[in-house]
PDB file of N, CA and C in Angstrom:
ATOM      1  N   MET A   1       0.831  -1.195   0.000  1.00  0.00           N
ATOM      2  CA  MET A   1       0.000   0.000   0.000  1.00  0.00           C
ATOM      3  C   MET A   1       0.867   1.247   0.000  1.00  0.00           C
ATOM      4  N   GLN A   2       0.485   2.176  -0.787  1.00  0.00           N
ATOM      5  CA  GLN A   2       1.159   3.463  -0.810  1.00  0.00           C
ATOM      6  C   GLN A   2       0.675   4.293   0.378  1.00  0.00           C
ATOM      7  N   PRO A   3       1.482   5.250   0.827  1.00  0.00           N
ATOM      8  CA  PRO A   3       1.042   6.087   1.955  1.00  0.00           C
ATOM      9  C   PRO A   3      -0.265   6.818   1.676  1.00  0.00           C
ATOM     10  N   SER A   4      -0.478   7.254   0.438  1.00  0.00           N
ATOM     11  CA  SER A   4      -1.722   7.964   0.140  1.00  0.00           C
ATOM     12  C   SER A   4      -2.916   7.014   0.232  1.00  0.00           C
ATOM     13  N   ASP A   5      -2.714   5.737  -0.168  1.00  0.00           N
ATOM     14  CA  ASP A   5      -3.794   4.760  -0.038  1.00  0.00           C
ATOM     15  C   ASP A   5      -4.142   4.528   1.425  1.00  0.00           C
ATOM     16  N   LEU A   6      -3.129   4.469   2.264  1.00  0.00           N
ATOM     17  CA  LEU A   6      -3.351   4.278   3.693  1.00  0.00           C
ATOM     18  C   LEU A   6      -4.092   5.472   4.287  1.00  0.00           C
ATOM     19  N   GLU A   7      -3.703   6.677   3.889  1.00  0.00           N
ATOM     20  CA  GLU A   7      -4.386   7.876   4.385  1.00  0.00           C
ATOM     21  C   GLU A   7      -5.830   7.910   3.910  1.00  0.00           C
ATOM     22  N   ASP A   8      -6.061   7.528   2.649  1.00  0.00           N
ATOM     23  CA  ASP A   8      -7.429   7.502   2.137  1.00  0.00           C
ATOM     24  C   ASP A   8      -8.275   6.481   2.885  1.00  0.00           C
ATOM     25  N   ASP A   9      -7.691   5.329   3.189  1.00  0.00           N
ATOM     26  CA  ASP A   9      -8.410   4.307   3.932  1.00  0.00           C
ATOM     27  C   ASP A   9      -8.747   4.791   5.341  1.00  0.00           C
ATOM     28  N   LEU A  10      -7.809   5.477   5.982  1.00  0.00           N
ATOM     29  CA  LEU A  10      -8.070   6.006   7.326  1.00  0.00           C
ATOM     30  C   LEU A  10      -9.156   7.072   7.294  1.00  0.00           C
ATOM     31  N   ARG A  11      -9.129   7.923   6.275  1.00  0.00           N
ATOM     32  CA  ARG A  11     -10.186   8.939   6.147  1.00  0.00           C
ATOM     33  C   ARG A  11     -11.545   8.278   5.936  1.00  0.00           C
ATOM     34  N   TYR A  12     -11.569   7.267   5.083  1.00  0.00           N
ATOM     35  CA  TYR A  12     -12.817   6.558   4.802  1.00  0.00           C
ATOM     36  C   TYR A  12     -13.346   5.874   6.063  1.00  0.00           C
ATOM     37  N   ARG A  13     -12.459   5.223   6.828  1.00  0.00           N
ATOM     38  CA  ARG A  13     -12.860   4.578   8.082  1.00  0.00           C
ATOM     39  C   ARG A  13     -13.420   5.593   9.072  1.00  0.00           C
ATOM     40  N   SER A  14     -12.721   6.728   9.217  1.00  0.00           N
ATOM     41  CA  SER A  14     -13.195   7.733  10.176  1.00  0.00           C
ATOM     42  C   SER A  14     -14.530   8.315   9.736  1.00  0.00           C
ATOM     43  N   LYS A  15     -14.732   8.455   8.425  1.00  0.00           N
ATOM     44  CA  LYS A  15     -16.011   8.951   7.924  1.00  0.00           C
ATOM     45  C   LYS A  15     -17.127   7.957   8.242  1.00  0.00           C
ATOM     46  N   LEU A  16     -16.867   6.665   8.053  1.00  0.00           N
ATOM     47  CA  LEU A  16     -17.864   5.641   8.366  1.00  0.00           C
ATOM     48  C   LEU A  16     -18.198   5.629   9.856  1.00  0.00           C
ATOM     49  N   ILE A  17     -17.178   5.724  10.699  1.00  0.00           N
ATOM     50  CA  ILE A  17     -17.395   5.710  12.149  1.00  0.00           C
ATOM     51  C   ILE A  17     -18.186   6.936  12.590  1.00  0.00           C
ATOM     52  N   GLU A  18     -17.866   8.105  12.033  1.00  0.00           N
ATOM     53  CA  GLU A  18     -18.611   9.318  12.382  1.00  0.00           C
ATOM     54  C   GLU A  18     -20.068   9.209  11.951  1.00  0.00           C
ATOM     55  N   GLU A  19     -20.302   8.625  10.772  1.00  0.00           N
ATOM     56  CA  GLU A  19     -21.670   8.483  10.299  1.00  0.00           C
ATOM     57  C   GLU A  19     -22.458   7.503  11.171  1.00  0.00           C
ATOM     58  N   CYS A  20     -21.813   6.409  11.585  1.00  0.00           N
ATOM     59  CA  CYS A  20     -22.457   5.467  12.516  1.00  0.00           C
ATOM     60  C   CYS A  20     -22.811   6.165  13.825  1.00  0.00           C
ATOM     61  N   ASN A  21     -21.878   6.927  14.348  1.00  0.00           N
ATOM     62  CA  ASN A  21     -22.093   7.642  15.606  1.00  0.00           C
ATOM     63  C   ASN A  21     -23.248   8.626  15.473  1.00  0.00           C
ATOM     64  N   HIS A  22     -23.285   9.369  14.369  1.00  0.00           N
ATOM     65  CA  HIS A  22     -24.341  10.355  14.160  1.00  0.00           C
ATOM     66  C   HIS A  22     -25.714   9.679  14.074  1.00  0.00           C
ATOM     67  N   LEU A  23     -25.795   8.576  13.330  1.00  0.00           N
ATOM     68  CA  LEU A  23     -27.078   7.883  13.209  1.00  0.00           C
ATOM     69  C   LEU A  23     -27.525   7.288  14.540  1.00  0.00           C
ATOM     70  N   LEU A  24     -26.600   6.694  15.271  1.00  0.00           N
ATOM     71  CA  LEU A  24     -26.970   6.070  16.542  1.00  0.00           C
ATOM     72  C   LEU A  24     -27.367   7.101  17.585  1.00  0.00           C
ATOM     73  N   LYS A  25     -26.767   8.279  17.554  1.00  0.00           N
ATOM     74  CA  LYS A  25     -27.154   9.317  18.517  1.00  0.00           C
ATOM     75  C   LYS A  25     -28.532   9.880  18.215  1.00  0.00           C
ATOM     76  N   SER A  26     -29.022   9.698  16.993  1.00  0.00           N
ATOM     77  CA  SER A  26     -30.366  10.175  16.673  1.00  0.00           C
ATOM     78  C   SER A  26     -31.448   9.206  17.167  1.00  0.00           C
ATOM     79  N   PHE A  27     -31.056   8.003  17.584  1.00  0.00           N
ATOM     80  CA  PHE A  27     -32.018   7.027  18.098  1.00  0.00           C
ATOM     81  C   PHE A  27     -32.460   7.418  19.503  1.00  0.00           C
ATOM     82  N   ASP A  28     -33.658   6.965  19.876  1.00  0.00           N
ATOM     83  CA  ASP A  28     -34.158   7.167  21.234  1.00  0.00           C
ATOM     84  C   ASP A  28     -33.513   6.145  22.162  1.00  0.00           C
ATOM     85  N   ASN A  29     -33.753   6.319  23.464  1.00  0.00           N
ATOM     86  CA  ASN A  29     -33.243   5.348  24.439  1.00  0.00           C
ATOM     87  C   ASN A  29     -33.826   3.974  24.154  1.00  0.00           C
ATOM     88  N   GLY A  30     -33.023   2.968  24.399  1.00  0.00           N
ATOM     89  CA  GLY A  30     -33.516   1.609  24.236  1.00  0.00           C
ATOM     90  C   GLY A  30     -32.468   0.697  23.643  1.00  0.00           C
ATOM     91  N   THR A  31     -32.877  -0.541  23.441  1.00  0.00           N
ATOM     92  CA  THR A  31     -32.003  -1.546  22.851  1.00  0.00           C
ATOM     93  C   THR A  31     -32.519  -1.872  21.464  1.00  0.00           C
ATOM     94  N   TYR A  32     -31.633  -1.861  20.502  1.00  0.00           N
ATOM     95  CA  TYR A  32     -31.979  -2.138  19.118  1.00  0.00           C
ATOM     96  C   TYR A  32     -31.204  -3.367  18.663  1.00  0.00           C
ATOM     97  N   LEU A  33     -31.870  -4.217  17.910  1.00  0.00           N
ATOM     98  CA  LEU A  33     -31.231  -5.415  17.378  1.00  0.00           C
ATOM     99  C   LEU A  33     -31.024  -5.236  15.885  1.00  0.00           C
ATOM    100  N   VAL A  34     -29.793  -5.428  15.448  1.00  0.00           N
ATOM    101  CA  VAL A  34     -29.422  -5.277  14.050  1.00  0.00           C
ATOM    102  C   VAL A  34     -28.987  -6.644  13.547  1.00  0.00           C
ATOM    103  N   SER A  35     -29.513  -7.049  12.401  1.00  0.00           N
ATOM    104  CA  SER A  35     -29.114  -8.356  11.871  1.00  0.00           C
ATOM    105  C   SER A  35     -27.661  -8.316  11.428  1.00  0.00           C
ATOM    106  N   TRP A  36     -26.968  -9.409  11.683  1.00  0.00           N
ATOM    107  CA  TRP A  36     -25.530  -9.471  11.405  1.00  0.00           C
ATOM    108  C   TRP A  36     -25.191 -10.884  10.979  1.00  0.00           C
ATOM    109  N   ASN A  37     -24.522 -11.029   9.840  1.00  0.00           N
ATOM    110  CA  ASN A  37     -24.145 -12.364   9.387  1.00  0.00           C
ATOM    111  C   ASN A  37     -22.634 -12.527   9.299  1.00  0.00           C
ATOM    112  N   GLY A  38     -21.900 -11.558   9.749  1.00  0.00           N
ATOM    113  CA  GLY A  38     -20.446 -11.629   9.718  1.00  0.00           C
ATOM    114  C   GLY A  38     -19.873 -12.075  11.050  1.00  0.00           C
ATOM    115  N   VAL A  39     -18.586 -11.914  11.184  1.00  0.00           N
ATOM    116  CA  VAL A  39     -17.875 -12.279  12.400  1.00  0.00           C
ATOM    117  C   VAL A  39     -17.525 -10.995  13.138  1.00  0.00           C
ATOM    118  N   LEU A  40     -17.848 -10.944  14.413  1.00  0.00           N
ATOM    119  CA  LEU A  40     -17.489  -9.778  15.211  1.00  0.00           C
ATOM    120  C   LEU A  40     -16.016  -9.835  15.578  1.00  0.00           C
ATOM    121  N   PRO A  41     -15.342  -8.707  15.644  1.00  0.00           N
ATOM    122  CA  PRO A  41     -13.951  -8.709  16.074  1.00  0.00           C
ATOM    123  C   PRO A  41     -13.844  -9.171  17.522  1.00  0.00           C
ATOM    124  N   GLY A  42     -12.801  -9.900  17.806  1.00  0.00           N
ATOM    125  CA  GLY A  42     -12.565 -10.333  19.169  1.00  0.00           C
ATOM    126  C   GLY A  42     -13.275 -11.609  19.560  1.00  0.00           C
ATOM    127  N   GLU A  43     -14.000 -12.224  18.646  1.00  0.00           N
ATOM    128  CA  GLU A  43     -14.636 -13.491  18.989  1.00  0.00           C
ATOM    129  C   GLU A  43     -13.578 -14.572  19.054  1.00  0.00           C
ATOM    130  N   LYS A  44     -13.658 -15.389  20.083  1.00  0.00           N
ATOM    131  CA  LYS A  44     -12.635 -16.418  20.264  1.00  0.00           C
ATOM    132  C   LYS A  44     -12.761 -17.524  19.224  1.00  0.00           C
ATOM    133  N   ASN A  45     -13.974 -17.937  18.951  1.00  0.00           N
ATOM    134  CA  ASN A  45     -14.174 -18.989  17.968  1.00  0.00           C
ATOM    135  C   ASN A  45     -14.923 -18.397  16.783  1.00  0.00           C
ATOM    136  N   GLN A  46     -14.188 -17.940  15.784  1.00  0.00           N
ATOM    137  CA  GLN A  46     -14.804 -17.254  14.661  1.00  0.00           C
ATOM    138  C   GLN A  46     -15.558 -18.200  13.738  1.00  0.00           C
ATOM    139  N   MET A  47     -15.246 -19.476  13.769  1.00  0.00           N
ATOM    140  CA  MET A  47     -15.934 -20.434  12.914  1.00  0.00           C
ATOM    141  C   MET A  47     -17.299 -20.817  13.492  1.00  0.00           C
ATOM    142  N   LYS A  48     -17.571 -20.426  14.717  1.00  0.00           N
ATOM    143  CA  LYS A  48     -18.799 -20.822  15.394  1.00  0.00           C
ATOM    144  C   LYS A  48     -20.032 -20.177  14.758  1.00  0.00           C
ATOM    145  N   ASN A  49     -19.904 -18.962  14.251  1.00  0.00           N
ATOM    146  CA  ASN A  49     -21.054 -18.214  13.756  1.00  0.00           C
ATOM    147  C   ASN A  49     -21.145 -18.315  12.237  1.00  0.00           C
ATOM    148  N   HIS A  50     -21.898 -19.292  11.768  1.00  0.00           N
ATOM    149  CA  HIS A  50     -22.099 -19.409  10.335  1.00  0.00           C
ATOM    150  C   HIS A  50     -23.411 -18.756   9.923  1.00  0.00           C
ATOM    151  N   GLY A  51     -24.412 -18.831  10.752  1.00  0.00           N
ATOM    152  CA  GLY A  51     -25.724 -18.317  10.405  1.00  0.00           C
ATOM    153  C   GLY A  51     -25.889 -16.861  10.783  1.00  0.00           C
ATOM    154  N   ALA A  52     -27.031 -16.316  10.378  1.00  0.00           N
ATOM    155  CA  ALA A  52     -27.331 -14.926  10.700  1.00  0.00           C
ATOM    156  C   ALA A  52     -27.673 -14.805  12.184  1.00  0.00           C
ATOM    157  N   ARG A  53     -27.318 -13.695  12.768  1.00  0.00           N
ATOM    158  CA  ARG A  53     -27.656 -13.421  14.159  1.00  0.00           C
ATOM    159  C   ARG A  53     -27.889 -11.929  14.315  1.00  0.00           C
ATOM    160  N   LYS A  54     -28.129 -11.507  15.519  1.00  0.00           N
ATOM    161  CA  LYS A  54     -28.426 -10.098  15.770  1.00  0.00           C
ATOM    162  C   LYS A  54     -27.395  -9.517  16.717  1.00  0.00           C
ATOM    163  N   ILE A  55     -27.054  -8.260  16.469  1.00  0.00           N
ATOM    164  CA  ILE A  55     -26.163  -7.505  17.342  1.00  0.00           C
ATOM    165  C   ILE A  55     -27.038  -6.577  18.176  1.00  0.00           C
ATOM    166  N   GLY A  56     -26.787  -6.535  19.463  1.00  0.00           N
ATOM    167  CA  GLY A  56     -27.523  -5.642  20.341  1.00  0.00           C
ATOM    168  C   GLY A  56     -26.819  -4.301  20.467  1.00  0.00           C
ATOM    169  N   ILE A  57     -27.555  -3.230  20.162  1.00  0.00           N
ATOM    170  CA  ILE A  57     -27.030  -1.869  20.300  1.00  0.00           C
ATOM    171  C   ILE A  57     -27.890  -1.164  21.335  1.00  0.00           C
ATOM    172  N   LYS A  58     -27.266  -0.692  22.396  1.00  0.00           N
ATOM    173  CA  LYS A  58     -27.993  -0.050  23.489  1.00  0.00           C
ATOM    174  C   LYS A  58     -27.660   1.438  23.506  1.00  0.00           C
ATOM    175  N   VAL A  59     -28.705   2.266  23.526  1.00  0.00           N
ATOM    176  CA  VAL A  59     -28.548   3.717  23.568  1.00  0.00           C
ATOM    177  C   VAL A  59     -29.150   4.215  24.874  1.00  0.00           C
ATOM    178  N   ASP A  60     -28.349   4.895  25.684  1.00  0.00           N
ATOM    179  CA  ASP A  60     -28.800   5.467  26.952  1.00  0.00           C
ATOM    180  C   ASP A  60     -28.520   6.958  26.958  1.00  0.00           C
ATOM    181  N   SER A  61     -29.437   7.722  27.528  1.00  0.00           N
ATOM    182  CA  SER A  61     -29.219   9.150  27.724  1.00  0.00           C
ATOM    183  C   SER A  61     -28.917   9.394  29.191  1.00  0.00           C
ATOM    184  N   LEU A  62     -27.818  10.031  29.452  1.00  0.00           N
ATOM    185  CA  LEU A  62     -27.431  10.368  30.815  1.00  0.00           C
ATOM    186  C   LEU A  62     -27.431  11.880  30.960  1.00  0.00           C
ATOM    187  N   ILE A  63     -27.814  12.352  32.135  1.00  0.00           N
ATOM    188  CA  ILE A  63     -27.846  13.790  32.395  1.00  0.00           C
ATOM    189  C   ILE A  63     -26.752  14.129  33.395  1.00  0.00           C
ATOM    190  N   TYR A  64     -25.891  15.040  32.998  1.00  0.00           N
ATOM    191  CA  TYR A  64     -24.838  15.544  33.872  1.00  0.00           C
ATOM    192  C   TYR A  64     -25.089  17.024  34.117  1.00  0.00           C
ATOM    193  N   TYR A  65     -24.642  17.497  35.269  1.00  0.00           N
ATOM    194  CA  TYR A  65     -24.775  18.910  35.587  1.00  0.00           C
ATOM    195  C   TYR A  65     -23.396  19.544  35.607  1.00  0.00           C
ATOM    196  N   GLY A  66     -23.334  20.790  35.101  1.00  0.00           N
ATOM    197  CA  GLY A  66     -22.058  21.498  35.074  1.00  0.00           C
ATOM    198  C   GLY A  66     -21.537  21.749  36.476  1.00  0.00           C
ATOM    199  N   LYS A  67     -20.210  21.831  36.599  1.00  0.00           N
ATOM    200  CA  LYS A  67     -19.615  22.005  37.923  1.00  0.00           C
ATOM    201  C   LYS A  67     -19.012  23.386  38.125  1.00  0.00           C
ATOM    202  N   PHE A  68     -18.484  23.985  37.072  1.00  0.00           N
ATOM    203  CA  PHE A  68     -17.733  25.223  37.270  1.00  0.00           C
ATOM    204  C   PHE A  68     -18.392  26.423  36.601  1.00  0.00           C
ATOM    205  N   ILE A  69     -18.603  26.373  35.311  1.00  0.00           N
ATOM    206  CA  ILE A  69     -19.094  27.550  34.597  1.00  0.00           C
ATOM    207  C   ILE A  69     -20.593  27.735  34.804  1.00  0.00           C
ATOM    208  N   HIS A  70     -21.369  26.705  34.509  1.00  0.00           N
ATOM    209  CA  HIS A  70     -22.816  26.747  34.710  1.00  0.00           C
ATOM    210  C   HIS A  70     -23.184  25.607  35.657  1.00  0.00           C
ATOM    211  N   PRO A  71     -23.158  25.863  36.976  1.00  0.00           N
ATOM    212  CA  PRO A  71     -23.283  24.767  37.939  1.00  0.00           C
ATOM    213  C   PRO A  71     -24.584  23.979  37.869  1.00  0.00           C
ATOM    214  N   TRP A  72     -25.670  24.578  37.454  1.00  0.00           N
ATOM    215  CA  TRP A  72     -26.931  23.842  37.477  1.00  0.00           C
ATOM    216  C   TRP A  72     -27.475  23.568  36.088  1.00  0.00           C
ATOM    217  N   LYS A  73     -26.669  23.780  35.078  1.00  0.00           N
ATOM    218  CA  LYS A  73     -27.122  23.536  33.716  1.00  0.00           C
ATOM    219  C   LYS A  73     -26.981  22.042  33.388  1.00  0.00           C
ATOM    220  N   PRO A  74     -28.071  21.392  32.984  1.00  0.00           N
ATOM    221  CA  PRO A  74     -27.972  19.961  32.661  1.00  0.00           C
ATOM    222  C   PRO A  74     -27.416  19.734  31.255  1.00  0.00           C
ATOM    223  N   TYR A  75     -26.582  18.737  31.126  1.00  0.00           N
ATOM    224  CA  TYR A  75     -26.037  18.320  29.840  1.00  0.00           C
ATOM    225  C   TYR A  75     -26.498  16.891  29.585  1.00  0.00           C
ATOM    226  N   VAL A  76     -27.080  16.662  28.422  1.00  0.00           N
ATOM    227  CA  VAL A  76     -27.536  15.325  28.062  1.00  0.00           C
ATOM    228  C   VAL A  76     -26.458  14.671  27.209  1.00  0.00           C
ATOM    229  N   VAL A  77     -26.028  13.500  27.629  1.00  0.00           N
ATOM    230  CA  VAL A  77     -24.986  12.759  26.927  1.00  0.00           C
ATOM    231  C   VAL A  77     -25.558  11.403  26.531  1.00  0.00           C
ATOM    232  N   LYS A  78     -25.378  11.029  25.271  1.00  0.00           N
ATOM    233  CA  LYS A  78     -25.836   9.718  24.800  1.00  0.00           C
ATOM    234  C   LYS A  78     -24.693   8.723  24.924  1.00  0.00           C
ATOM    235  N   LYS A  79     -24.950   7.617  25.594  1.00  0.00           N
ATOM    236  CA  LYS A  79     -23.984   6.527  25.709  1.00  0.00           C
ATOM    237  C   LYS A  79     -24.429   5.414  24.772  1.00  0.00           C
ATOM    238  N   ILE A  80     -23.530   4.993  23.901  1.00  0.00           N
ATOM    239  CA  ILE A  80     -23.839   3.947  22.929  1.00  0.00           C
ATOM    240  C   ILE A  80     -22.961   2.740  23.226  1.00  0.00           C
ATOM    241  N   ARG A  81     -23.599   1.577  23.347  1.00  0.00           N
ATOM    242  CA  ARG A  81     -22.862   0.335  23.595  1.00  0.00           C
ATOM    243  C   ARG A  81     -23.263  -0.681  22.534  1.00  0.00           C
ATOM    244  N   ILE A  82     -22.254  -1.327  21.946  1.00  0.00           N
ATOM    245  CA  ILE A  82     -22.480  -2.366  20.948  1.00  0.00           C
ATOM    246  C   ILE A  82     -22.029  -3.688  21.557  1.00  0.00           C
ATOM    247  N   GLU A  83     -22.962  -4.619  21.675  1.00  0.00           N
ATOM    248  CA  GLU A  83     -22.674  -5.919  22.289  1.00  0.00           C
ATOM    249  C   GLU A  83     -22.052  -5.756  23.680  1.00  0.00           C
ATOM    250  N   GLY A  84     -22.508  -4.762  24.433  1.00  0.00           N
ATOM    251  CA  GLY A  84     -22.027  -4.542  25.790  1.00  0.00           C
ATOM    252  C   GLY A  84     -20.715  -3.797  25.882  1.00  0.00           C
ATOM    253  N   LYS A  85     -20.132  -3.438  24.754  1.00  0.00           N
ATOM    254  CA  LYS A  85     -18.860  -2.716  24.770  1.00  0.00           C
ATOM    255  C   LYS A  85     -19.084  -1.285  24.320  1.00  0.00           C
ATOM    256  N   ASP A  86     -18.181  -0.399  24.721  1.00  0.00           N
ATOM    257  CA  ASP A  86     -18.273   1.007  24.384  1.00  0.00           C
ATOM    258  C   ASP A  86     -18.192   1.204  22.872  1.00  0.00           C
ATOM    259  N   PHE A  87     -18.728   2.332  22.389  1.00  0.00           N
ATOM    260  CA  PHE A  87     -18.736   2.628  20.956  1.00  0.00           C
ATOM    261  C   PHE A  87     -17.327   2.713  20.378  1.00  0.00           C
ATOM    262  N   SER A  88     -16.345   3.071  21.201  1.00  0.00           N
ATOM    263  CA  SER A  88     -14.972   3.185  20.699  1.00  0.00           C
ATOM    264  C   SER A  88     -14.419   1.834  20.246  1.00  0.00           C
ATOM    265  N   TRP A  89     -15.067   0.734  20.636  1.00  0.00           N
ATOM    266  CA  TRP A  89     -14.672  -0.593  20.179  1.00  0.00           C
ATOM    267  C   TRP A  89     -14.759  -0.698  18.658  1.00  0.00           C
ATOM    268  N   LEU A  90     -15.616   0.129  18.072  1.00  0.00           N
ATOM    269  CA  LEU A  90     -15.804   0.117  16.624  1.00  0.00           C
ATOM    270  C   LEU A  90     -14.519   0.473  15.880  1.00  0.00           C
ATOM    271  N   LYS A  91     -13.622   1.195  16.521  1.00  0.00           N
ATOM    272  CA  LYS A  91     -12.363   1.584  15.872  1.00  0.00           C
ATOM    273  C   LYS A  91     -11.460   0.387  15.599  1.00  0.00           C
ATOM    274  N   THR A  92     -11.668  -0.722  16.301  1.00  0.00           N
ATOM    275  CA  THR A  92     -10.837  -1.907  16.091  1.00  0.00           C
ATOM    276  C   THR A  92     -11.389  -2.803  14.986  1.00  0.00           C
ATOM    277  N   TRP A  93     -12.556  -2.489  14.467  1.00  0.00           N
ATOM    278  CA  TRP A  93     -13.167  -3.312  13.437  1.00  0.00           C
ATOM    279  C   TRP A  93     -12.486  -3.084  12.095  1.00  0.00           C
ATOM    280  N   LYS A  94     -12.662  -4.021  11.187  1.00  0.00           N
ATOM    281  CA  LYS A  94     -12.184  -3.862   9.815  1.00  0.00           C
ATOM    282  C   LYS A  94     -13.120  -2.921   9.075  1.00  0.00           C
ATOM    283  N   THR A  95     -12.607  -2.314   8.012  1.00  0.00           N
ATOM    284  CA  THR A  95     -13.390  -1.344   7.252  1.00  0.00           C
ATOM    285  C   THR A  95     -14.659  -1.979   6.688  1.00  0.00           C
ATOM    286  N   GLU A  96     -14.567  -3.202   6.205  1.00  0.00           N
ATOM    287  CA  GLU A  96     -15.738  -3.878   5.632  1.00  0.00           C
ATOM    288  C   GLU A  96     -16.799  -4.124   6.698  1.00  0.00           C
ATOM    289  N   GLN A  97     -16.372  -4.441   7.915  1.00  0.00           N
ATOM    290  CA  GLN A  97     -17.324  -4.677   8.998  1.00  0.00           C
ATOM    291  C   GLN A  97     -18.030  -3.384   9.389  1.00  0.00           C
ATOM    292  N   ILE A  98     -17.288  -2.281   9.408  1.00  0.00           N
ATOM    293  CA  ILE A  98     -17.897  -0.991   9.747  1.00  0.00           C
ATOM    294  C   ILE A  98     -18.901  -0.593   8.673  1.00  0.00           C
ATOM    295  N   ALA A  99     -18.534  -0.795   7.401  1.00  0.00           N
ATOM    296  CA  ALA A  99     -19.441  -0.454   6.304  1.00  0.00           C
ATOM    297  C   ALA A  99     -20.707  -1.306   6.360  1.00  0.00           C
ATOM    298  N   SER A 100     -20.564  -2.583   6.696  1.00  0.00           N
ATOM    299  CA  SER A 100     -21.724  -3.465   6.811  1.00  0.00           C
ATOM    300  C   SER A 100     -22.625  -3.028   7.964  1.00  0.00           C
ATOM    301  N   LEU A 101     -22.029  -2.668   9.098  1.00  0.00           N
ATOM    302  CA  LEU A 101     -22.812  -2.187  10.235  1.00  0.00           C
ATOM    303  C   LEU A 101     -23.541  -0.898   9.878  1.00  0.00           C
ATOM    304  N   LEU A 102     -22.879  -0.007   9.150  1.00  0.00           N
ATOM    305  CA  LEU A 102     -23.510   1.251   8.747  1.00  0.00           C
ATOM    306  C   LEU A 102     -24.719   0.983   7.850  1.00  0.00           C
ATOM    307  N   ARG A 103     -24.608   0.034   6.929  1.00  0.00           N
ATOM    308  CA  ARG A 103     -25.749  -0.320   6.073  1.00  0.00           C
ATOM    309  C   ARG A 103     -26.917  -0.824   6.918  1.00  0.00           C
ATOM    310  N   GLU A 104     -26.626  -1.658   7.898  1.00  0.00           N
ATOM    311  CA  GLU A 104     -27.687  -2.200   8.752  1.00  0.00           C
ATOM    312  C   GLU A 104     -28.321  -1.100   9.609  1.00  0.00           C
ATOM    313  N   ILE A 105     -27.506  -0.170  10.100  1.00  0.00           N
ATOM    314  CA  ILE A 105     -28.038   0.932  10.911  1.00  0.00           C
ATOM    315  C   ILE A 105     -28.916   1.837  10.060  1.00  0.00           C
ATOM    316  N   LYS A 106     -28.506   2.085   8.814  1.00  0.00           N
ATOM    317  CA  LYS A 106     -29.322   2.913   7.920  1.00  0.00           C
ATOM    318  C   LYS A 106     -30.663   2.253   7.639  1.00  0.00           C
ATOM    319  N   SER A 107     -30.664   0.932   7.428  1.00  0.00           N
ATOM    320  CA  SER A 107     -31.937   0.247   7.181  1.00  0.00           C
ATOM    321  C   SER A 107     -32.812   0.268   8.436  1.00  0.00           C
ATOM    322  N   LEU A 108     -32.207   0.127   9.612  1.00  0.00           N
ATOM    323  CA  LEU A 108     -32.961   0.209  10.860  1.00  0.00           C
ATOM    324  C   LEU A 108     -33.522   1.613  11.056  1.00  0.00           C
ATOM    325  N   ASN A 109     -32.740   2.622  10.714  1.00  0.00           N
ATOM    326  CA  ASN A 109     -33.183   4.009  10.844  1.00  0.00           C
ATOM    327  C   ASN A 109     -34.360   4.285   9.916  1.00  0.00           C
ATOM    328  N   SER A 110     -34.332   3.739   8.705  1.00  0.00           N
ATOM    329  CA  SER A 110     -35.450   3.951   7.781  1.00  0.00           C
ATOM    330  C   SER A 110     -36.704   3.213   8.256  1.00  0.00           C
ATOM    331  N   GLU A 111     -36.539   2.070   8.941  1.00  0.00           N
ATOM    332  CA  GLU A 111     -37.692   1.360   9.493  1.00  0.00           C
ATOM    333  C   GLU A 111     -38.318   2.136  10.645  1.00  0.00           C
ATOM    334  N   ILE A 112     -37.473   2.761  11.468  1.00  0.00           N
ATOM    335  CA  ILE A 112     -37.978   3.499  12.630  1.00  0.00           C
ATOM    336  C   ILE A 112     -38.696   4.769  12.192  1.00  0.00           C
ATOM    337  N   ASN A 113     -38.121   5.481  11.232  1.00  0.00           N
ATOM    338  CA  ASN A 113     -38.708   6.758  10.786  1.00  0.00           C
ATOM    339  C   ASN A 113     -39.673   6.531   9.697  1.00  0.00           C
TER     340      ASN A 113
END
């Protein structure tokens, strides 16, 4: 790979991750199941999953209050967990897996809206 190809791939990955994050933050609180037929990163036995299954995505809204500048102003923060792990776990995925997840999230978003 040439350095420019590597940079383009990193830009493309970051764009996919940002788009996933943006779509998931638009969801309401709750647990969403997304169909998945691939292998998740970090699975110990990757040959175990041949059939289609579902990935659980949990969206929680937490309210924090400012401490210094605006002490009583509430801030709403969305916490996104995929299969019980933090959203930053998505950075360890392969580009094809992120693109596949984004397609599934877009189809779920169109079903909800």
